[in-house]
Amino acid sequence: MVEEEFDVYIEDEDGNVVVDKKMKSYANGFIDLWLPRNQTYNTKIEHNGKTVESEISTFDGDGTCVTTMQLL
């Protein structure tokens, strides 16, 4: 989904809101997020009435490019 606007909401494990804003995907279809290391996050992304929720983490060995989240 190229150059589309998404509602992005991310909380850390303690329930602190890390991201709560509209973000536009780039020409490659990705959204660029920078999150603090060594934490786990609950992520919710919405677009045109479709939603995906997922847990992502930033520990050593975790992927830096998440491609498994699918809007349903």
PDB file of N, CA and C in Angstrom:
ATOM      1  N   MET A   1       0.855  -1.165   0.000  1.00  0.00           N
ATOM      2  CA  MET A   1       0.000   0.000   0.000  1.00  0.00           C
ATOM      3  C   MET A   1       0.901   1.229   0.000  1.00  0.00           C
ATOM      4  N   VAL A   2       1.061   1.806  -1.140  1.00  0.00           N
ATOM      5  CA  VAL A   2       2.006   2.894  -1.355  1.00  0.00           C
ATOM      6  C   VAL A   2       1.379   4.250  -1.053  1.00  0.00           C
ATOM      7  N   GLU A   3       2.104   5.043  -0.267  1.00  0.00           N
ATOM      8  CA  GLU A   3       1.716   6.415   0.068  1.00  0.00           C
ATOM      9  C   GLU A   3       0.268   6.520   0.554  1.00  0.00           C
ATOM     10  N   GLU A   4      -0.087   5.634   1.462  1.00  0.00           N
ATOM     11  CA  GLU A   4      -1.401   5.628   2.114  1.00  0.00           C
ATOM     12  C   GLU A   4      -1.230   6.095   3.558  1.00  0.00           C
ATOM     13  N   GLU A   5      -2.287   6.653   4.138  1.00  0.00           N
ATOM     14  CA  GLU A   5      -2.239   7.125   5.516  1.00  0.00           C
ATOM     15  C   GLU A   5      -2.824   6.077   6.455  1.00  0.00           C
ATOM     16  N   PHE A   6      -2.134   5.816   7.561  1.00  0.00           N
ATOM     17  CA  PHE A   6      -2.524   4.821   8.541  1.00  0.00           C
ATOM     18  C   PHE A   6      -2.586   5.456   9.925  1.00  0.00           C
ATOM     19  N   ASP A   7      -3.502   4.969  10.764  1.00  0.00           N
ATOM     20  CA  ASP A   7      -3.527   5.339  12.175  1.00  0.00           C
ATOM     21  C   ASP A   7      -2.670   4.314  12.901  1.00  0.00           C
ATOM     22  N   VAL A   8      -1.601   4.771  13.537  1.00  0.00           N
ATOM     23  CA  VAL A   8      -0.652   3.884  14.207  1.00  0.00           C
ATOM     24  C   VAL A   8      -0.693   4.166  15.704  1.00  0.00           C
ATOM     25  N   TYR A   9      -0.894   3.098  16.487  1.00  0.00           N
ATOM     26  CA  TYR A   9      -0.950   3.206  17.949  1.00  0.00           C
ATOM     27  C   TYR A   9      -0.055   2.118  18.533  1.00  0.00           C
ATOM     28  N   ILE A  10       0.900   2.522  19.366  1.00  0.00           N
ATOM     29  CA  ILE A  10       1.836   1.567  19.960  1.00  0.00           C
ATOM     30  C   ILE A  10       1.990   1.868  21.445  1.00  0.00           C
ATOM     31  N   GLU A  11       1.870   0.811  22.261  1.00  0.00           N
ATOM     32  CA  GLU A  11       2.099   0.902  23.705  1.00  0.00           C
ATOM     33  C   GLU A  11       3.241  -0.022  24.097  1.00  0.00           C
ATOM     34  N   ASP A  12       3.991   0.369  25.126  1.00  0.00           N
ATOM     35  CA  ASP A  12       4.989  -0.540  25.674  1.00  0.00           C
ATOM     36  C   ASP A  12       4.309  -1.516  26.636  1.00  0.00           C
ATOM     37  N   GLU A  13       5.071  -2.409  27.218  1.00  0.00           N
ATOM     38  CA  GLU A  13       4.502  -3.436  28.109  1.00  0.00           C
ATOM     39  C   GLU A  13       3.819  -2.864  29.343  1.00  0.00           C
ATOM     40  N   ASP A  14       4.200  -1.644  29.727  1.00  0.00           N
ATOM     41  CA  ASP A  14       3.611  -1.017  30.908  1.00  0.00           C
ATOM     42  C   ASP A  14       2.372  -0.194  30.575  1.00  0.00           C
ATOM     43  N   GLY A  15       1.974  -0.196  29.294  1.00  0.00           N
ATOM     44  CA  GLY A  15       0.801   0.551  28.888  1.00  0.00           C
ATOM     45  C   GLY A  15       1.071   1.999  28.529  1.00  0.00           C
ATOM     46  N   ASN A  16       2.348   2.382  28.493  1.00  0.00           N
ATOM     47  CA  ASN A  16       2.703   3.744  28.110  1.00  0.00           C
ATOM     48  C   ASN A  16       2.590   3.897  26.594  1.00  0.00           C
ATOM     49  N   VAL A  17       1.940   4.949  26.152  1.00  0.00           N
ATOM     50  CA  VAL A  17       1.779   5.186  24.720  1.00  0.00           C
ATOM     51  C   VAL A  17       3.104   5.698  24.150  1.00  0.00           C
ATOM     52  N   VAL A  18       3.592   4.986  23.137  1.00  0.00           N
ATOM     53  CA  VAL A  18       4.844   5.336  22.484  1.00  0.00           C
ATOM     54  C   VAL A  18       4.568   6.080  21.176  1.00  0.00           C
ATOM     55  N   VAL A  19       3.553   5.629  20.440  1.00  0.00           N
ATOM     56  CA  VAL A  19       3.153   6.266  19.178  1.00  0.00           C
ATOM     57  C   VAL A  19       1.632   6.299  19.130  1.00  0.00           C
ATOM     58  N   ASP A  20       1.080   7.433  18.755  1.00  0.00           N
ATOM     59  CA  ASP A  20      -0.360   7.579  18.542  1.00  0.00           C
ATOM     60  C   ASP A  20      -0.548   8.694  17.518  1.00  0.00           C
ATOM     61  N   LYS A  21      -0.408   8.322  16.239  1.00  0.00           N
ATOM     62  CA  LYS A  21      -0.498   9.349  15.204  1.00  0.00           C
ATOM     63  C   LYS A  21      -0.792   8.736  13.839  1.00  0.00           C
ATOM     64  N   LYS A  22      -1.147   9.595  12.918  1.00  0.00           N
ATOM     65  CA  LYS A  22      -1.328   9.188  11.529  1.00  0.00           C
ATOM     66  C   LYS A  22       0.056   9.162  10.890  1.00  0.00           C
ATOM     67  N   MET A  23       0.309   8.110  10.113  1.00  0.00           N
ATOM     68  CA  MET A  23       1.583   7.989   9.419  1.00  0.00           C
ATOM     69  C   MET A  23       1.322   7.594   7.974  1.00  0.00           C
ATOM     70  N   LYS A  24       2.119   8.121   7.079  1.00  0.00           N
ATOM     71  CA  LYS A  24       1.965   7.827   5.660  1.00  0.00           C
ATOM     72  C   LYS A  24       3.059   6.855   5.232  1.00  0.00           C
ATOM     73  N   SER A  25       2.650   5.824   4.498  1.00  0.00           N
ATOM     74  CA  SER A  25       3.634   4.865   4.000  1.00  0.00           C
ATOM     75  C   SER A  25       4.443   5.499   2.876  1.00  0.00           C
ATOM     76  N   TYR A  26       5.637   4.988   2.692  1.00  0.00           N
ATOM     77  CA  TYR A  26       6.539   5.494   1.661  1.00  0.00           C
ATOM     78  C   TYR A  26       6.242   4.840   0.315  1.00  0.00           C
ATOM     79  N   ALA A  27       6.993   5.230  -0.686  1.00  0.00           N
ATOM     80  CA  ALA A  27       6.824   4.690  -2.043  1.00  0.00           C
ATOM     81  C   ALA A  27       7.051   3.180  -2.085  1.00  0.00           C
ATOM     82  N   ASN A  28       7.780   2.638  -1.098  1.00  0.00           N
ATOM     83  CA  ASN A  28       8.005   1.195  -1.033  1.00  0.00           C
ATOM     84  C   ASN A  28       6.919   0.473  -0.235  1.00  0.00           C
ATOM     85  N   GLY A  29       5.935   1.226   0.286  1.00  0.00           N
ATOM     86  CA  GLY A  29       4.823   0.640   1.023  1.00  0.00           C
ATOM     87  C   GLY A  29       5.060   0.461   2.512  1.00  0.00           C
ATOM     88  N   PHE A  30       6.241   0.802   2.998  1.00  0.00           N
ATOM     89  CA  PHE A  30       6.572   0.618   4.409  1.00  0.00           C
ATOM     90  C   PHE A  30       6.347   1.896   5.206  1.00  0.00           C
ATOM     91  N   ILE A  31       6.115   1.713   6.507  1.00  0.00           N
ATOM     92  CA  ILE A  31       6.067   2.809   7.471  1.00  0.00           C
ATOM     93  C   ILE A  31       7.357   2.727   8.273  1.00  0.00           C
ATOM     94  N   ASP A  32       8.012   3.838   8.481  1.00  0.00           N
ATOM     95  CA  ASP A  32       9.287   3.864   9.190  1.00  0.00           C
ATOM     96  C   ASP A  32       9.046   4.157  10.666  1.00  0.00           C
ATOM     97  N   LEU A  33       9.339   3.184  11.526  1.00  0.00           N
ATOM     98  CA  LEU A  33       9.188   3.351  12.973  1.00  0.00           C
ATOM     99  C   LEU A  33      10.533   3.134  13.661  1.00  0.00           C
ATOM    100  N   TRP A  34      10.836   3.990  14.606  1.00  0.00           N
ATOM    101  CA  TRP A  34      12.016   3.806  15.441  1.00  0.00           C
ATOM    102  C   TRP A  34      11.515   3.653  16.872  1.00  0.00           C
ATOM    103  N   LEU A  35      11.787   2.480  17.462  1.00  0.00           N
ATOM    104  CA  LEU A  35      11.335   2.188  18.823  1.00  0.00           C
ATOM    105  C   LEU A  35      12.535   1.887  19.709  1.00  0.00           C
ATOM    106  N   PRO A  36      12.459   2.245  20.999  1.00  0.00           N
ATOM    107  CA  PRO A  36      13.559   1.942  21.915  1.00  0.00           C
ATOM    108  C   PRO A  36      13.864   0.441  21.957  1.00  0.00           C
ATOM    109  N   ARG A  37      15.130   0.134  22.133  1.00  0.00           N
ATOM    110  CA  ARG A  37      15.594  -1.257  22.159  1.00  0.00           C
ATOM    111  C   ARG A  37      15.153  -2.004  23.410  1.00  0.00           C
ATOM    112  N   ASN A  38      15.224  -3.335  23.272  1.00  0.00           N
ATOM    113  CA  ASN A  38      15.031  -4.264  24.387  1.00  0.00           C
ATOM    114  C   ASN A  38      13.680  -4.130  25.082  1.00  0.00           C
ATOM    115  N   GLN A  39      12.639  -3.961  24.262  1.00  0.00           N
ATOM    116  CA  GLN A  39      11.292  -3.872  24.795  1.00  0.00           C
ATOM    117  C   GLN A  39      10.323  -4.619  23.880  1.00  0.00           C
ATOM    118  N   THR A  40       9.140  -4.885  24.421  1.00  0.00           N
ATOM    119  CA  THR A  40       8.049  -5.495  23.658  1.00  0.00           C
ATOM    120  C   THR A  40       6.917  -4.482  23.587  1.00  0.00           C
ATOM    121  N   TYR A  41       6.275  -4.416  22.430  1.00  0.00           N
ATOM    122  CA  TYR A  41       5.242  -3.415  22.190  1.00  0.00           C
ATOM    123  C   TYR A  41       3.969  -4.053  21.654  1.00  0.00           C
ATOM    124  N   ASN A  42       2.837  -3.501  22.050  1.00  0.00           N
ATOM    125  CA  ASN A  42       1.546  -3.864  21.478  1.00  0.00           C
ATOM    126  C   ASN A  42       1.238  -2.819  20.414  1.00  0.00           C
ATOM    127  N   THR A  43       1.016  -3.278  19.202  1.00  0.00           N
ATOM    128  CA  THR A  43       0.870  -2.402  18.050  1.00  0.00           C
ATOM    129  C   THR A  43      -0.502  -2.579  17.418  1.00  0.00           C
ATOM    130  N   LYS A  44      -1.123  -1.458  17.057  1.00  0.00           N
ATOM    131  CA  LYS A  44      -2.400  -1.479  16.346  1.00  0.00           C
ATOM    132  C   LYS A  44      -2.304  -0.499  15.182  1.00  0.00           C
ATOM    133  N   ILE A  45      -2.623  -0.990  13.985  1.00  0.00           N
ATOM    134  CA  ILE A  45      -2.598  -0.156  12.790  1.00  0.00           C
ATOM    135  C   ILE A  45      -3.962  -0.257  12.118  1.00  0.00           C
ATOM    136  N   GLU A  46      -4.522   0.906  11.742  1.00  0.00           N
ATOM    137  CA  GLU A  46      -5.837   0.943  11.099  1.00  0.00           C
ATOM    138  C   GLU A  46      -5.761   1.717   9.787  1.00  0.00           C
ATOM    139  N   HIS A  47      -6.563   1.257   8.813  1.00  0.00           N
ATOM    140  CA  HIS A  47      -6.630   1.931   7.522  1.00  0.00           C
ATOM    141  C   HIS A  47      -7.949   1.566   6.844  1.00  0.00           C
ATOM    142  N   ASN A  48      -8.739   2.566   6.504  1.00  0.00           N
ATOM    143  CA  ASN A  48     -10.010   2.360   5.797  1.00  0.00           C
ATOM    144  C   ASN A  48     -10.894   1.279   6.432  1.00  0.00           C
ATOM    145  N   GLY A  49     -11.032   1.313   7.748  1.00  0.00           N
ATOM    146  CA  GLY A  49     -11.900   0.373   8.443  1.00  0.00           C
ATOM    147  C   GLY A  49     -11.295  -0.995   8.700  1.00  0.00           C
ATOM    148  N   LYS A  50     -10.066  -1.217   8.263  1.00  0.00           N
ATOM    149  CA  LYS A  50      -9.383  -2.488   8.515  1.00  0.00           C
ATOM    150  C   LYS A  50      -8.332  -2.277   9.589  1.00  0.00           C
ATOM    151  N   THR A  51      -8.110  -3.329  10.379  1.00  0.00           N
ATOM    152  CA  THR A  51      -7.219  -3.232  11.531  1.00  0.00           C
ATOM    153  C   THR A  51      -6.310  -4.438  11.627  1.00  0.00           C
ATOM    154  N   VAL A  52      -5.119  -4.203  12.151  1.00  0.00           N
ATOM    155  CA  VAL A  52      -4.232  -5.298  12.522  1.00  0.00           C
ATOM    156  C   VAL A  52      -3.631  -4.959  13.882  1.00  0.00           C
ATOM    157  N   GLU A  53      -3.573  -5.970  14.745  1.00  0.00           N
ATOM    158  CA  GLU A  53      -2.930  -5.826  16.049  1.00  0.00           C
ATOM    159  C   GLU A  53      -1.865  -6.897  16.158  1.00  0.00           C
ATOM    160  N   SER A  54      -0.718  -6.510  16.694  1.00  0.00           N
ATOM    161  CA  SER A  54       0.385  -7.454  16.795  1.00  0.00           C
ATOM    162  C   SER A  54       1.331  -7.022  17.908  1.00  0.00           C
ATOM    163  N   GLU A  55       2.054  -7.980  18.424  1.00  0.00           N
ATOM    164  CA  GLU A  55       3.106  -7.700  19.389  1.00  0.00           C
ATOM    165  C   GLU A  55       4.428  -7.714  18.629  1.00  0.00           C
ATOM    166  N   ILE A  56       5.224  -6.676  18.813  1.00  0.00           N
ATOM    167  CA  ILE A  56       6.546  -6.647  18.207  1.00  0.00           C
ATOM    168  C   ILE A  56       7.568  -6.353  19.296  1.00  0.00           C
ATOM    169  N   SER A  57       8.810  -6.741  19.072  1.00  0.00           N
ATOM    170  CA  SER A  57       9.847  -6.506  20.070  1.00  0.00           C
ATOM    171  C   SER A  57      11.133  -6.037  19.402  1.00  0.00           C
ATOM    172  N   THR A  58      12.003  -5.452  20.221  1.00  0.00           N
ATOM    173  CA  THR A  58      13.228  -4.841  19.711  1.00  0.00           C
ATOM    174  C   THR A  58      14.472  -5.375  20.420  1.00  0.00           C
ATOM    175  N   PHE A  59      14.477  -6.662  20.710  1.00  0.00           N
ATOM    176  CA  PHE A  59      15.626  -7.287  21.353  1.00  0.00           C
ATOM    177  C   PHE A  59      16.641  -7.730  20.301  1.00  0.00           C
ATOM    178  N   ASP A  60      17.881  -7.973  20.726  1.00  0.00           N
ATOM    179  CA  ASP A  60      18.892  -8.506  19.810  1.00  0.00           C
ATOM    180  C   ASP A  60      18.340  -9.747  19.134  1.00  0.00           C
ATOM    181  N   GLY A  61      18.514  -9.837  17.841  1.00  0.00           N
ATOM    182  CA  GLY A  61      18.040 -10.994  17.096  1.00  0.00           C
ATOM    183  C   GLY A  61      16.641 -10.818  16.524  1.00  0.00           C
ATOM    184  N   ASP A  62      15.883  -9.814  16.997  1.00  0.00           N
ATOM    185  CA  ASP A  62      14.560  -9.545  16.426  1.00  0.00           C
ATOM    186  C   ASP A  62      14.728  -8.887  15.061  1.00  0.00           C
ATOM    187  N   GLY A  63      13.799  -9.167  14.174  1.00  0.00           N
ATOM    188  CA  GLY A  63      13.839  -8.570  12.855  1.00  0.00           C
ATOM    189  C   GLY A  63      13.629  -7.067  12.914  1.00  0.00           C
ATOM    190  N   THR A  64      14.236  -6.380  11.983  1.00  0.00           N
ATOM    191  CA  THR A  64      14.079  -4.925  11.919  1.00  0.00           C
ATOM    192  C   THR A  64      13.074  -4.529  10.841  1.00  0.00           C
ATOM    193  N   CYS A  65      12.582  -5.504  10.121  1.00  0.00           N
ATOM    194  CA  CYS A  65      11.602  -5.245   9.071  1.00  0.00           C
ATOM    195  C   CYS A  65      10.444  -6.222   9.271  1.00  0.00           C
ATOM    196  N   VAL A  66       9.309  -5.723   9.755  1.00  0.00           N
ATOM    197  CA  VAL A  66       8.149  -6.571  10.034  1.00  0.00           C
ATOM    198  C   VAL A  66       7.249  -6.586   8.807  1.00  0.00           C
ATOM    199  N   THR A  67       7.062  -7.765   8.247  1.00  0.00           N
ATOM    200  CA  THR A  67       6.242  -7.896   7.037  1.00  0.00           C
ATOM    201  C   THR A  67       5.068  -8.844   7.223  1.00  0.00           C
ATOM    202  N   THR A  68       4.784  -9.203   8.467  1.00  0.00           N
ATOM    203  CA  THR A  68       3.760 -10.214   8.739  1.00  0.00           C
ATOM    204  C   THR A  68       2.422  -9.622   9.173  1.00  0.00           C
ATOM    205  N   MET A  69       2.334  -8.324   9.316  1.00  0.00           N
ATOM    206  CA  MET A  69       1.093  -7.693   9.770  1.00  0.00           C
ATOM    207  C   MET A  69       0.180  -7.467   8.561  1.00  0.00           C
ATOM    208  N   GLN A  70      -1.043  -8.009   8.628  1.00  0.00           N
ATOM    209  CA  GLN A  70      -1.981  -7.911   7.523  1.00  0.00           C
ATOM    210  C   GLN A  70      -3.274  -7.269   7.988  1.00  0.00           C
ATOM    211  N   LEU A  71      -3.688  -6.216   7.315  1.00  0.00           N
ATOM    212  CA  LEU A  71      -4.948  -5.548   7.643  1.00  0.00           C
ATOM    213  C   LEU A  71      -6.122  -6.436   7.257  1.00  0.00           C
ATOM    214  N   LEU A  72      -7.047  -6.622   8.207  1.00  0.00           N
ATOM    215  CA  LEU A  72      -8.242  -7.433   7.953  1.00  0.00           C
ATOM    216  C   LEU A  72      -9.475  -6.647   8.313  1.00  0.00           C
TER     217      LEU A  72
END
